[in-house]
């Protein structure tokens, strides 16, 4: 769902895509653009659950952007992740 620009980041898809989500996922509405049809492996209920998850993650990202971490929390995360990185580097 989160992209490295190779495919669209689903947290930022247009409202029109949300409105057509089931058609896109289950009926292959964007098959000509490379989005496969998942009707054989995903029923409507599962497709709706995936869509709900995407919406939830989009809302979390919007909240995160509106309320970024405070500087002290960023400093703690940098120290912790740097320590983990150094430890992994030693082990590997």
Protein backbone atom coordinates (compact mmCIF):
# COMPACT_ATOMS: atom_id res chain seq x y z
CA UNK A 1 0.00 0.00 0.00
CA UNK A 2 2.89 2.38 0.75
CA UNK A 3 4.83 2.93 -2.43
CA UNK A 4 8.37 3.66 -3.50
CA UNK A 5 6.94 5.37 -6.62
CA UNK A 6 6.97 2.15 -8.66
CA UNK A 7 3.21 1.87 -8.09
CA UNK A 8 0.71 4.37 -6.66
CA UNK A 9 0.69 4.91 -2.90
CA UNK A 10 -2.84 3.84 -2.04
CA UNK A 11 -3.01 6.20 0.93
CA UNK A 12 -3.19 9.10 -1.54
CA UNK A 13 -5.53 7.81 -4.24
CA UNK A 14 -8.12 10.19 -5.67
CA UNK A 15 -11.71 10.22 -4.42
CA UNK A 16 -12.85 8.90 -7.82
CA UNK A 17 -10.71 5.81 -7.27
CA UNK A 18 -12.30 5.26 -3.87
CA UNK A 19 -15.74 5.53 -5.46
CA UNK A 20 -14.77 2.89 -8.05
CA UNK A 21 -12.68 0.68 -5.77
CA UNK A 22 -14.80 -2.47 -6.09
CA UNK A 23 -15.00 -2.08 -9.88
CA UNK A 24 -11.24 -1.66 -10.05
CA UNK A 25 -10.34 -4.55 -7.75
CA UNK A 26 -13.06 -7.07 -8.58
CA UNK A 27 -14.05 -6.21 -12.12
CA UNK A 28 -10.72 -5.10 -13.56
CA UNK A 29 -11.78 -1.55 -14.44
CA UNK A 30 -8.11 -0.52 -14.68
CA UNK A 31 -6.78 -3.73 -16.22
CA UNK A 32 -5.61 -1.84 -19.30
CA UNK A 33 -3.45 0.30 -16.98
CA UNK A 34 -1.83 -2.75 -15.39
CA UNK A 35 -4.11 -3.26 -12.38
CA UNK A 36 -5.13 -6.91 -12.42
CA UNK A 37 -8.64 -8.15 -11.68
CA UNK A 38 -8.93 -10.01 -8.37
CA UNK A 39 -12.46 -11.39 -8.72
CA UNK A 40 -11.27 -15.01 -8.59
CA UNK A 41 -9.36 -14.60 -5.33
CA UNK A 42 -11.25 -11.82 -3.52
CA UNK A 43 -14.96 -11.56 -2.84
CA UNK A 44 -16.77 -8.24 -2.39
CA UNK A 45 -16.58 -8.48 1.40
CA UNK A 46 -12.78 -8.91 1.33
CA UNK A 47 -12.39 -6.12 -1.22
CA UNK A 48 -14.41 -3.82 1.04
CA UNK A 49 -12.22 -4.83 3.99
CA UNK A 50 -9.09 -3.95 1.99
CA UNK A 51 -10.64 -0.63 1.04
CA UNK A 52 -11.50 0.07 4.69
CA UNK A 53 -7.90 -0.70 5.64
CA UNK A 54 -6.60 1.70 2.97
CA UNK A 55 -8.92 4.43 4.24
CA UNK A 56 -7.78 3.80 7.82
CA UNK A 57 -4.12 4.03 6.84
CA UNK A 58 -4.80 7.19 4.81
CA UNK A 59 -6.44 8.77 7.85
CA UNK A 60 -3.49 7.77 10.06
CA UNK A 61 -1.05 9.32 7.59
CA UNK A 62 -3.10 12.52 7.44
CA UNK A 63 -3.14 12.67 11.25
CA UNK A 64 0.61 12.04 11.37
CA UNK A 65 1.26 14.85 8.92
CA UNK A 66 -1.00 17.25 10.78
CA UNK A 67 0.56 16.36 14.15
CA UNK A 68 4.22 15.50 13.56
CA UNK A 69 6.35 13.98 16.29
CA UNK A 70 7.90 16.39 18.74
CA UNK A 71 11.66 16.94 18.56
CA UNK A 72 12.39 14.97 21.73
CA UNK A 73 10.52 11.95 20.37
CA UNK A 74 12.35 12.20 17.05
CA UNK A 75 15.68 12.26 18.93
CA UNK A 76 14.76 9.15 20.89
CA UNK A 77 13.71 7.29 17.73
CA UNK A 78 16.92 8.27 15.92
CA UNK A 79 19.03 7.00 18.84
CA UNK A 80 17.08 3.74 19.14
CA UNK A 81 17.09 3.00 15.41
CA UNK A 82 20.75 3.97 15.09
CA UNK A 83 21.58 1.59 17.93
CA UNK A 84 19.59 -1.19 16.30
CA UNK A 85 21.32 -0.51 12.98
CA UNK A 86 24.78 -0.67 14.59
CA UNK A 87 23.88 -3.89 16.37
CA UNK A 88 22.58 -5.48 13.17
CA UNK A 89 25.69 -4.35 11.31
CA UNK A 90 27.90 -6.10 13.91
CA UNK A 91 25.82 -9.27 13.81
CA UNK A 92 25.67 -9.48 10.02
